[in-house]
């Protein structure tokens, strides 16, 4: 028996306003879509199919979260307040710890509940000796939840504290603070050969998994030597897999290129052979006009994270300029949503409204373009053919309660995609199907007992912070002014926004 997914409006291609089937349906067999068309026609052709949805539902392709760190418990909940990235990231050392499996499972539940069917998980650890074991714990969570994932394994080998030589920076600190940092083991990297071997083992282990793909993830150019970057891109090509890295998230990272490489960061990455199809750069806020043709010609993509960029004082990525230049732009939450709730629908709306130039002739994103960023374009950035509802495509679908989205408004006042982008939130997500399997029905996750999971996490976080945790937190607070002082010397910073000039 197949599955018949019905809706008053079925959006088959988010990029095209005319690609909507009224009173439509999607017929699914196994993991794939077999047929899309009028509900009455498909119902008569497949009388034995299980039917879900109704005329009050809007059916769209599953959302694709192009950049996430796999944490269901947010940084704010764990005590980290928003600040500039270079300061904010230090707070991870002083934060409470959540079991990797539980934390990732909770992230899966939250994303599924907001209509996400595929995510990129940018995975790291502060315990190099636990790198592979933690990765397996997190992958077990994805397998159980039923969420598709591009699981990107992070590596770095320099610049732990600032964008400069670690040993030189440590020697500038008061002796007691330097000794504490060393004794706490905060200045450690996984050996490159061990990292590459782990990636290869995990890639081999999950090579045939229907929903899990193993990616490589250079943490960022400023945190990776050229030798490590080249070794990672060589392995990615040999394995035939994708790669994602943070890139040009802050003005300090733009300044890093000329200061360290003697050339812009994007030009340097291109010269190393790192850019290409299947490679995505998270953030890209501080691109320059000269970077855009390089990205277009290489086939590399940008993942826009509007909420994270605002909350961490990074700025606004040049999305309109990138799209005009023909660069693929996807959308991600980075686990730092505007409402701290990982709602990709709300970030989609934020993206739409941030990129509206003033004046009658100012450039804007259309609602369909915005939805396409979170479906077709994010999927393309991750090297998968999702984001469309068509025969032969994976059966990843989301049903939303269009009556609830509309509220007291009359039917037909605006097209359903415009209405969704203007008003939709995770609260309106009714049902989610991933690979033909219903994983969320009427707002309730079917693969994970959410209430029991939340209680397990609460119980873990009710325990007192251990002495070593309190010590790490105190060290982070003591380190803060020294990191700020280091970056104060990096002036004058580039003006913002640079990529929209000219």
Protein backbone atom coordinates (compact mmCIF):
# COMPACT_ATOMS: atom_id res chain seq x y z
CA UNK A 1 0.00 0.00 0.00
CA UNK A 2 1.19 3.46 -0.90
CA UNK A 3 0.72 6.80 0.83
CA UNK A 4 -1.47 9.57 -0.59
CA UNK A 5 -0.55 13.01 0.76
CA UNK A 6 -3.36 15.51 0.05
CA UNK A 7 -3.56 19.28 0.30
CA UNK A 8 -5.65 22.21 -0.84
CA UNK A 9 -2.41 23.47 -2.39
CA UNK A 10 0.59 21.29 -3.30
CA UNK A 11 3.76 23.29 -4.04
CA UNK A 12 5.80 21.14 -6.42
CA UNK A 13 8.59 23.64 -7.16
CA UNK A 14 9.11 26.50 -4.66
CA UNK A 15 10.94 28.56 -7.30
CA UNK A 16 7.90 28.96 -9.57
CA UNK A 17 4.65 30.65 -8.57
CA UNK A 18 2.71 28.59 -11.10
CA UNK A 19 4.03 25.25 -9.77
CA UNK A 20 1.11 24.68 -7.41
CA UNK A 21 -1.50 21.94 -7.79
CA UNK A 22 -4.85 23.04 -6.37
CA UNK A 23 -6.74 20.30 -4.51
CA UNK A 24 -3.71 18.18 -5.22
CA UNK A 25 -1.99 15.11 -3.91
CA UNK A 26 1.35 13.32 -3.92
CA UNK A 27 1.33 9.54 -4.25
CA UNK A 28 4.25 7.78 -2.54
CA UNK A 29 5.42 4.19 -2.76
CA UNK A 30 8.30 3.09 -0.60
CA UNK A 31 10.71 5.97 -0.18
CA UNK A 32 9.97 7.90 -3.38
CA UNK A 33 7.31 9.98 -5.04
CA UNK A 34 5.51 8.13 -7.84
CA UNK A 35 2.94 10.66 -9.00
CA UNK A 36 1.76 14.24 -8.36
CA UNK A 37 -1.58 15.56 -9.55
CA UNK A 38 -5.21 16.35 -8.68
CA UNK A 39 -6.29 14.57 -5.49
CA UNK A 40 -9.44 13.13 -7.07
CA UNK A 41 -7.47 11.61 -9.93
CA UNK A 42 -4.80 10.05 -7.71
CA UNK A 43 -7.39 8.82 -5.25
CA UNK A 44 -9.19 6.92 -8.01
CA UNK A 45 -5.92 5.45 -9.32
CA UNK A 46 -4.73 4.29 -5.91
CA UNK A 47 -7.83 3.30 -3.93
CA UNK A 48 -5.89 1.23 -1.39
CA UNK A 49 -3.45 3.98 -0.40
CA UNK A 50 -3.32 5.37 3.13
CA UNK A 51 -4.49 8.97 2.89
CA UNK A 52 -3.20 11.86 5.01
CA UNK A 53 -3.87 15.58 4.75
CA UNK A 54 -6.92 17.49 3.57
CA UNK A 55 -8.00 20.61 1.69
CA UNK A 56 -7.05 22.75 4.69
CA UNK A 57 -3.40 21.70 4.35
CA UNK A 58 -0.56 23.22 2.37
CA UNK A 59 1.91 20.61 1.12
CA UNK A 60 5.50 21.73 0.45
CA UNK A 61 8.82 19.95 -0.10
CA UNK A 62 10.72 19.20 3.11
CA UNK A 63 12.87 22.07 4.35
CA UNK A 64 16.66 21.70 4.22
CA UNK A 65 18.67 23.29 7.03
CA UNK A 66 22.00 24.00 5.36
CA UNK A 67 24.06 24.65 8.51
CA UNK A 68 23.56 23.46 12.09
CA UNK A 69 25.71 22.28 14.97
CA UNK A 70 23.40 19.53 16.20
CA UNK A 71 22.68 20.99 19.63
CA UNK A 72 19.06 20.83 20.74
CA UNK A 73 19.79 22.68 23.97
CA UNK A 74 20.72 26.21 22.95
CA UNK A 75 23.76 28.19 24.01
CA UNK A 76 21.51 30.67 25.80
CA UNK A 77 19.88 27.90 27.82
CA UNK A 78 23.36 26.75 28.84
CA UNK A 79 24.38 30.22 29.99
CA UNK A 80 26.20 31.73 27.01
CA UNK A 81 25.06 35.25 26.17
CA UNK A 82 25.31 36.64 22.64
CA UNK A 83 28.47 38.54 21.74
CA UNK A 84 30.82 38.94 18.80
CA UNK A 85 31.78 35.50 17.50
CA UNK A 86 35.44 35.76 18.55
CA UNK A 87 34.32 36.21 22.17
CA UNK A 88 31.15 34.12 22.09
CA UNK A 89 32.88 30.94 20.94
CA UNK A 90 35.17 31.00 23.99
CA UNK A 91 32.08 30.48 26.13
CA UNK A 92 31.75 26.91 24.88
CA UNK A 93 34.61 25.93 27.19
CA UNK A 94 32.68 27.19 30.22
CA UNK A 95 29.24 25.88 29.24
CA UNK A 96 27.37 23.00 30.78
CA UNK A 97 27.77 19.69 29.00
CA UNK A 98 24.86 17.73 27.56
CA UNK A 99 25.23 14.09 26.56
CA UNK A 100 26.00 14.14 22.79
CA UNK A 101 23.39 11.52 21.93
CA UNK A 102 20.59 13.22 23.91
CA UNK A 103 21.53 16.69 22.69
CA UNK A 104 21.56 15.60 19.05
CA UNK A 105 18.33 13.63 19.38
CA UNK A 106 16.69 16.75 20.80
CA UNK A 107 18.02 18.81 17.90
CA UNK A 108 16.49 16.26 15.51
CA UNK A 109 13.10 16.48 17.23
CA UNK A 110 13.12 20.30 17.15
CA UNK A 111 14.08 20.45 13.50
CA UNK A 112 11.52 17.85 12.41
CA UNK A 113 8.87 19.79 14.31
CA UNK A 114 9.68 22.88 12.24
CA UNK A 115 9.40 21.04 8.91
CA UNK A 116 13.07 20.19 8.35
CA UNK A 117 13.64 16.86 6.61
CA UNK A 118 17.39 17.24 5.85
CA UNK A 119 20.07 19.02 7.86
CA UNK A 120 23.81 19.55 7.76
CA UNK A 121 25.35 18.78 11.13
CA UNK A 122 28.71 20.52 11.61
CA UNK A 123 30.22 18.21 14.21
CA UNK A 124 33.07 18.93 16.58
CA UNK A 125 34.37 17.94 19.98
CA UNK A 126 36.67 19.41 22.61
CA UNK A 127 37.82 15.88 23.51
CA UNK A 128 39.93 14.64 20.58
CA UNK A 129 40.25 11.18 22.10
CA UNK A 130 36.42 10.89 21.99
CA UNK A 131 36.04 12.20 18.42
CA UNK A 132 34.84 9.02 16.76
CA UNK A 133 32.83 7.70 19.71
CA UNK A 134 30.92 10.98 20.04
CA UNK A 135 30.27 11.03 16.30
CA UNK A 136 28.78 7.54 16.48
CA UNK A 137 26.55 8.58 19.40
CA UNK A 138 25.24 11.52 17.39
CA UNK A 139 24.75 9.43 14.26
CA UNK A 140 22.71 6.95 16.33
CA UNK A 141 20.41 9.85 17.21
CA UNK A 142 19.87 10.72 13.54
CA UNK A 143 19.18 7.11 12.70
CA UNK A 144 16.57 6.81 15.45
CA UNK A 145 14.87 10.14 14.72
CA UNK A 146 14.63 9.46 10.98
CA UNK A 147 16.05 12.84 9.95
CA UNK A 148 18.31 12.99 6.91
CA UNK A 149 21.76 14.37 7.66
CA UNK A 150 24.95 15.42 5.95
CA UNK A 151 27.20 14.75 8.93
CA UNK A 152 30.24 17.01 8.55
CA UNK A 153 33.20 16.03 10.72
CA UNK A 154 35.16 19.06 11.88
CA UNK A 155 38.93 19.42 11.97
CA UNK A 156 41.28 22.25 12.93
CA UNK A 157 44.97 22.50 13.72
CA UNK A 158 45.78 26.08 14.72
CA UNK A 159 44.65 29.34 16.36
CA UNK A 160 42.68 28.08 19.34
CA UNK A 161 42.27 31.39 21.14
CA UNK A 162 42.86 34.16 18.57
CA UNK A 163 43.73 34.41 14.88
CA UNK A 164 47.42 34.08 15.55
CA UNK A 165 50.09 31.77 16.93
CA UNK A 166 48.71 29.99 20.00
CA UNK A 167 52.02 29.70 21.81
CA UNK A 168 52.86 33.36 21.24
CA UNK A 169 49.43 34.38 22.55
CA UNK A 170 49.69 32.15 25.62
CA UNK A 171 53.01 33.75 26.50
CA UNK A 172 51.33 37.18 26.64
CA UNK A 173 48.99 36.04 29.41
CA UNK A 174 49.59 36.25 33.15
CA UNK A 175 51.49 33.13 34.19
CA UNK A 176 48.68 31.65 36.38
CA UNK A 177 46.14 32.01 33.55
CA UNK A 178 48.52 30.47 31.03
CA UNK A 179 49.13 27.51 33.32
CA UNK A 180 45.40 27.02 33.90
CA UNK A 181 44.66 27.00 30.18
CA UNK A 182 47.33 24.39 29.60
CA UNK A 183 46.28 22.23 32.55
CA UNK A 184 42.62 22.26 31.48
CA UNK A 185 43.52 20.91 28.07
CA UNK A 186 41.80 23.68 26.11
CA UNK A 187 44.68 23.94 23.65
CA UNK A 188 44.41 20.57 21.91
CA UNK A 189 43.74 19.34 18.38
CA UNK A 190 43.12 15.92 16.95
CA UNK A 191 46.11 14.74 14.92
CA UNK A 192 45.34 15.18 11.19
CA UNK A 193 46.18 11.56 10.35
CA UNK A 194 43.83 10.31 13.09
CA UNK A 195 41.08 12.63 11.88
CA UNK A 196 41.39 11.51 8.25
CA UNK A 197 41.36 7.86 9.28
CA UNK A 198 38.21 8.40 11.37
CA UNK A 199 36.43 10.09 8.48
CA UNK A 200 37.31 7.26 6.15
CA UNK A 201 36.08 4.62 8.62
CA UNK A 202 32.80 6.44 9.23
CA UNK A 203 32.27 7.06 5.53
CA UNK A 204 32.75 3.35 4.85
CA UNK A 205 30.44 2.37 7.73
CA UNK A 206 27.56 4.58 6.52
CA UNK A 207 28.16 4.30 2.78
CA UNK A 208 24.87 2.48 2.18
CA UNK A 209 22.73 4.23 4.80
CA UNK A 210 19.66 5.74 3.14
CA UNK A 211 19.62 8.96 5.21
CA UNK A 212 23.18 9.54 6.48
CA UNK A 213 26.11 10.90 4.47
CA UNK A 214 29.55 11.66 5.89
CA UNK A 215 31.09 15.03 4.96
CA UNK A 216 34.40 16.68 5.83
CA UNK A 217 34.39 20.01 7.65
CA UNK A 218 37.47 22.21 7.86
CA UNK A 219 36.49 24.41 10.80
CA UNK A 220 37.46 27.60 8.95
CA UNK A 221 40.47 28.94 7.03
CA UNK A 222 41.81 30.82 10.04
CA UNK A 223 41.66 27.63 12.12
CA UNK A 224 43.23 25.28 9.56
CA UNK A 225 46.68 25.23 8.00
CA UNK A 226 46.93 25.00 4.23
CA UNK A 227 48.34 21.50 4.61
CA UNK A 228 45.28 20.33 6.52
CA UNK A 229 42.89 22.00 4.04
CA UNK A 230 44.59 20.30 1.11
CA UNK A 231 44.59 16.90 2.81
CA UNK A 232 40.87 17.26 3.56
CA UNK A 233 39.87 18.27 0.04
CA UNK A 234 41.94 15.40 -1.36
CA UNK A 235 40.11 12.91 0.88
CA UNK A 236 36.70 14.42 0.08
CA UNK A 237 37.35 13.98 -3.64
CA UNK A 238 38.66 10.47 -3.22
CA UNK A 239 35.59 9.48 -1.20
CA UNK A 240 33.24 11.38 -3.54
CA UNK A 241 31.66 13.25 -0.66
CA UNK A 242 30.89 16.87 0.24
CA UNK A 243 32.57 19.45 2.40
CA UNK A 244 31.50 22.50 4.40
CA UNK A 245 33.52 25.13 6.26
CA UNK A 246 32.80 28.35 8.10
CA UNK A 247 34.07 31.25 6.04
CA UNK A 248 34.14 35.06 6.27
CA UNK A 249 31.70 35.22 9.14
CA UNK A 250 33.21 38.34 10.75
CA UNK A 251 35.23 41.39 9.68
CA UNK A 252 38.28 39.98 11.48
CA UNK A 253 38.08 36.92 9.24
CA UNK A 254 38.04 39.12 6.13
CA UNK A 255 41.08 41.00 7.46
CA UNK A 256 42.79 37.65 8.11
CA UNK A 257 43.24 36.98 4.37
CA UNK A 258 45.47 39.91 3.39
CA UNK A 259 47.12 39.88 6.83
CA UNK A 260 48.15 36.20 6.74
CA UNK A 261 47.83 34.99 3.14
CA UNK A 262 48.66 38.24 1.38
CA UNK A 263 45.43 37.83 -0.62
CA UNK A 264 41.65 37.59 0.02
CA UNK A 265 40.45 34.43 1.74
CA UNK A 266 38.31 33.25 -1.20
CA UNK A 267 41.17 33.75 -3.66
CA UNK A 268 43.44 31.74 -1.37
CA UNK A 269 40.95 28.88 -1.01
CA UNK A 270 40.49 28.84 -4.79
CA UNK A 271 44.24 28.70 -5.34
CA UNK A 272 44.44 25.72 -2.95
CA UNK A 273 41.83 23.92 -5.07
CA UNK A 274 39.32 23.78 -2.25
CA UNK A 275 36.32 25.43 -3.95
CA UNK A 276 34.02 23.44 -6.20
CA UNK A 277 30.65 21.67 -6.49
CA UNK A 278 29.72 19.93 -3.26
CA UNK A 279 31.57 22.55 -1.19
CA UNK A 280 29.53 25.02 0.84
CA UNK A 281 30.73 27.98 2.87
CA UNK A 282 28.69 28.81 5.96
CA UNK A 283 28.00 32.53 6.47
CA UNK A 284 29.93 34.43 3.77
CA UNK A 285 29.01 37.76 5.38
CA UNK A 286 32.29 39.50 4.57
CA UNK A 287 32.69 38.55 0.92
CA UNK A 288 34.02 41.17 -1.47
CA UNK A 289 32.81 41.91 -5.02
CA UNK A 290 35.80 40.03 -6.45
CA UNK A 291 34.75 36.88 -4.58
CA UNK A 292 31.41 36.53 -6.35
CA UNK A 293 32.64 35.45 -9.80
CA UNK A 294 35.09 33.03 -8.18
CA UNK A 295 32.26 31.37 -6.28
CA UNK A 296 30.02 31.24 -9.35
CA UNK A 297 32.68 29.73 -11.62
CA UNK A 298 33.84 27.22 -9.02
CA UNK A 299 30.33 26.00 -8.19
CA UNK A 300 30.80 26.47 -4.45
CA UNK A 301 27.72 27.55 -2.46
CA UNK A 302 27.04 29.93 0.41
CA UNK A 303 24.81 28.99 3.35
CA UNK A 304 23.13 32.11 4.74
CA UNK A 305 22.49 32.14 8.50
CA UNK A 306 20.63 35.41 9.09
CA UNK A 307 19.65 34.96 12.75
CA UNK A 308 23.09 33.80 13.83
CA UNK A 309 24.76 36.61 11.90
CA UNK A 310 22.61 39.20 13.68
CA UNK A 311 22.88 37.73 17.15
CA UNK A 312 26.67 37.34 16.99
CA UNK A 313 27.25 40.83 15.54
CA UNK A 314 28.60 39.46 12.26
CA UNK A 315 26.49 41.51 9.85
CA UNK A 316 24.35 40.79 6.82
CA UNK A 317 25.47 38.52 4.00
CA UNK A 318 25.15 39.94 0.44
CA UNK A 319 22.42 37.51 -0.59
CA UNK A 320 20.94 39.68 -3.35
CA UNK A 321 24.35 40.22 -4.91
CA UNK A 322 25.19 36.52 -4.66
CA UNK A 323 21.96 35.48 -6.34
CA UNK A 324 22.40 38.04 -9.12
CA UNK A 325 25.91 36.72 -9.67
CA UNK A 326 24.55 33.19 -10.10
CA UNK A 327 25.90 31.76 -6.83
CA UNK A 328 23.90 29.05 -5.08
CA UNK A 329 22.67 30.34 -1.70
CA UNK A 330 21.09 28.04 0.88
CA UNK A 331 19.64 28.79 4.30
CA UNK A 332 20.59 27.59 7.78
CA UNK A 333 19.83 28.35 11.40
CA UNK A 334 23.30 27.56 12.80
CA UNK A 335 21.45 26.46 15.95
CA UNK A 336 21.20 30.17 16.89
CA UNK A 337 17.70 31.11 15.74
CA UNK A 338 16.29 34.60 16.23
CA UNK A 339 13.76 33.34 18.79
CA UNK A 340 16.25 30.75 20.12
CA UNK A 341 13.91 28.03 18.91
CA UNK A 342 15.51 26.66 15.72
CA UNK A 343 12.48 27.54 13.57
CA UNK A 344 13.69 27.55 9.96
CA UNK A 345 10.34 28.99 8.82
CA UNK A 346 10.94 32.07 10.95
CA UNK A 347 14.50 32.40 9.68
CA UNK A 348 13.14 32.14 6.15
CA UNK A 349 10.89 35.13 6.88
CA UNK A 350 13.76 37.02 8.48
CA UNK A 351 15.84 36.38 5.37
CA UNK A 352 13.06 37.72 3.15
CA UNK A 353 12.72 40.95 5.13
CA UNK A 354 16.40 41.64 5.68
CA UNK A 355 17.07 41.62 1.95
CA UNK A 356 14.75 44.42 0.85
CA UNK A 357 16.59 47.41 -0.52
CA UNK A 358 15.03 50.84 0.11
CA UNK A 359 13.11 52.71 -2.57
CA UNK A 360 10.62 51.81 -5.24
CA UNK A 361 13.22 50.14 -7.43
CA UNK A 362 15.22 48.49 -4.64
CA UNK A 363 15.96 44.81 -5.07
CA UNK A 364 14.00 42.31 -2.97
CA UNK A 365 13.61 38.59 -2.50
CA UNK A 366 10.22 37.19 -3.47
CA UNK A 367 8.47 34.75 -1.11
CA UNK A 368 9.09 31.97 -3.65
CA UNK A 369 12.81 32.82 -3.78
CA UNK A 370 12.96 32.74 0.01
CA UNK A 371 11.28 29.33 0.18
CA UNK A 372 13.60 28.09 -2.57
CA UNK A 373 16.65 29.02 -0.43
CA UNK A 374 15.40 26.68 2.30
CA UNK A 375 14.55 23.84 -0.09
CA UNK A 376 16.00 23.55 -3.60
CA UNK A 377 19.08 25.72 -3.03
CA UNK A 378 20.08 24.31 0.36
CA UNK A 379 19.69 20.83 -1.12
CA UNK A 380 21.88 21.74 -4.10
CA UNK A 381 24.50 23.18 -1.74
CA UNK A 382 24.60 19.83 0.06
CA UNK A 383 24.76 17.89 -3.20
CA UNK A 384 21.34 16.23 -2.95
CA UNK A 385 18.31 16.34 -5.24
CA UNK A 386 15.70 17.31 -2.67
CA UNK A 387 13.43 20.35 -2.49
CA UNK A 388 11.04 19.40 -5.31
CA UNK A 389 7.89 17.25 -5.39
CA UNK A 390 8.12 15.24 -8.60
CA UNK A 391 8.06 11.58 -9.67
CA UNK A 392 11.30 9.84 -8.79
CA UNK A 393 12.24 12.32 -6.08
CA UNK A 394 12.62 11.37 -2.44
CA UNK A 395 9.29 11.50 -0.61
CA UNK A 396 10.21 14.30 1.82
CA UNK A 397 7.11 16.43 2.42
CA UNK A 398 5.65 18.81 4.97
CA UNK A 399 1.96 19.47 5.60
CA UNK A 400 1.02 22.78 7.22
CA UNK A 401 -2.33 23.82 8.62
CA UNK A 402 -3.12 26.61 6.17
CA UNK A 403 -6.28 27.63 8.04
CA UNK A 404 -4.17 28.26 11.15
CA UNK A 405 -1.57 30.18 9.13
CA UNK A 406 -4.33 32.32 7.59
CA UNK A 407 -6.07 33.03 10.89
CA UNK A 408 -9.16 35.18 10.46
CA UNK A 409 -8.14 36.29 6.97
CA UNK A 410 -10.24 35.31 3.95
CA UNK A 411 -9.22 32.50 1.64
CA UNK A 412 -7.44 33.48 -1.55
CA UNK A 413 -6.33 36.96 -0.46
CA UNK A 414 -2.73 36.02 -1.29
CA UNK A 415 -1.14 32.93 -2.77
CA UNK A 416 -0.30 30.17 -0.26
CA UNK A 417 3.49 30.51 -0.47
CA UNK A 418 3.29 34.26 0.21
CA UNK A 419 0.99 33.54 3.15
CA UNK A 420 3.34 30.86 4.51
CA UNK A 421 6.44 33.00 4.25
CA UNK A 422 4.67 35.98 5.83
CA UNK A 423 3.02 34.16 8.74
CA UNK A 424 4.11 30.52 9.06
CA UNK A 425 5.94 29.13 12.08
CA UNK A 426 6.74 25.72 13.49
CA UNK A 427 3.38 25.87 15.30
CA UNK A 428 1.66 25.43 11.92
CA UNK A 429 3.58 22.28 10.93
CA UNK A 430 1.12 19.39 11.11
CA UNK A 431 2.78 16.38 9.47
CA UNK A 432 6.27 15.57 8.22
CA UNK A 433 7.17 12.71 5.88
CA UNK A 434 10.81 11.68 5.33
CA UNK A 435 11.57 9.04 2.73
CA UNK A 436 7.92 7.98 2.67
CA UNK A 437 7.81 7.52 6.45
CA UNK A 438 5.53 9.69 8.58
CA UNK A 439 7.77 10.97 11.41
CA UNK A 440 5.51 13.76 12.69
CA UNK A 441 1.72 13.53 12.76
CA UNK A 442 -0.53 16.34 13.99
CA UNK A 443 2.47 17.97 15.63
CA UNK A 444 3.57 14.86 17.55
CA UNK A 445 6.90 13.19 16.83
CA UNK A 446 6.38 9.49 16.13
CA UNK A 447 10.02 8.40 16.28
CA UNK A 448 11.05 9.88 19.64
CA UNK A 449 9.22 10.24 22.97
CA UNK A 450 9.81 13.97 23.21
CA UNK A 451 8.54 14.41 26.77
CA UNK A 452 10.74 11.60 28.09
CA UNK A 453 13.74 12.98 26.18
CA UNK A 454 13.25 16.47 27.63
CA UNK A 455 13.02 15.04 31.14
CA UNK A 456 16.27 13.10 30.68
CA UNK A 457 18.00 16.33 29.60
CA UNK A 458 16.48 18.31 32.49
CA UNK A 459 17.63 15.66 34.96
CA UNK A 460 21.16 15.85 33.57
CA UNK A 461 21.25 19.65 33.75
CA UNK A 462 19.84 19.74 37.30
CA UNK A 463 23.07 18.22 38.56
CA UNK A 464 25.53 20.71 40.08
CA UNK A 465 28.30 21.94 37.83
CA UNK A 466 31.39 19.87 38.75
CA UNK A 467 34.48 21.65 40.12
CA UNK A 468 36.35 21.30 36.83
CA UNK A 469 33.41 22.89 35.03
CA UNK A 470 33.43 25.83 37.45
CA UNK A 471 37.16 26.19 36.90
CA UNK A 472 36.72 26.24 33.11
CA UNK A 473 34.03 28.91 33.42
CA UNK A 474 36.28 31.08 35.59
CA UNK A 475 39.17 30.69 33.13
CA UNK A 476 36.95 31.78 30.22
CA UNK A 477 35.93 34.90 32.13
CA UNK A 478 39.58 35.67 32.87
CA UNK A 479 40.58 35.10 29.22
CA UNK A 480 37.90 37.42 27.79
CA UNK A 481 39.73 40.79 28.19
CA UNK A 482 42.96 39.39 26.73
CA UNK A 483 41.20 38.16 23.58
CA UNK A 484 39.46 41.52 23.20
CA UNK A 485 42.79 43.30 23.55
CA UNK A 486 44.31 41.11 20.82
CA UNK A 487 41.60 41.97 18.30
CA UNK A 488 41.66 45.67 19.17
CA UNK A 489 44.97 45.81 17.33
CA UNK A 490 43.31 44.62 14.09
CA UNK A 491 42.26 48.01 12.85
CA UNK A 492 40.99 49.67 10.88
CA UNK A 493 38.46 46.97 10.04
CA UNK A 494 36.86 46.76 6.58
CA UNK A 495 33.67 48.73 6.08
CA UNK A 496 30.37 46.88 5.92
CA UNK A 497 28.73 45.82 3.69
CA UNK A 498 31.62 45.48 1.27
CA UNK A 499 30.15 43.03 -1.23
CA UNK A 500 27.30 45.37 -2.20
CA UNK A 501 29.54 48.30 -3.16
CA UNK A 502 30.29 49.27 -6.72
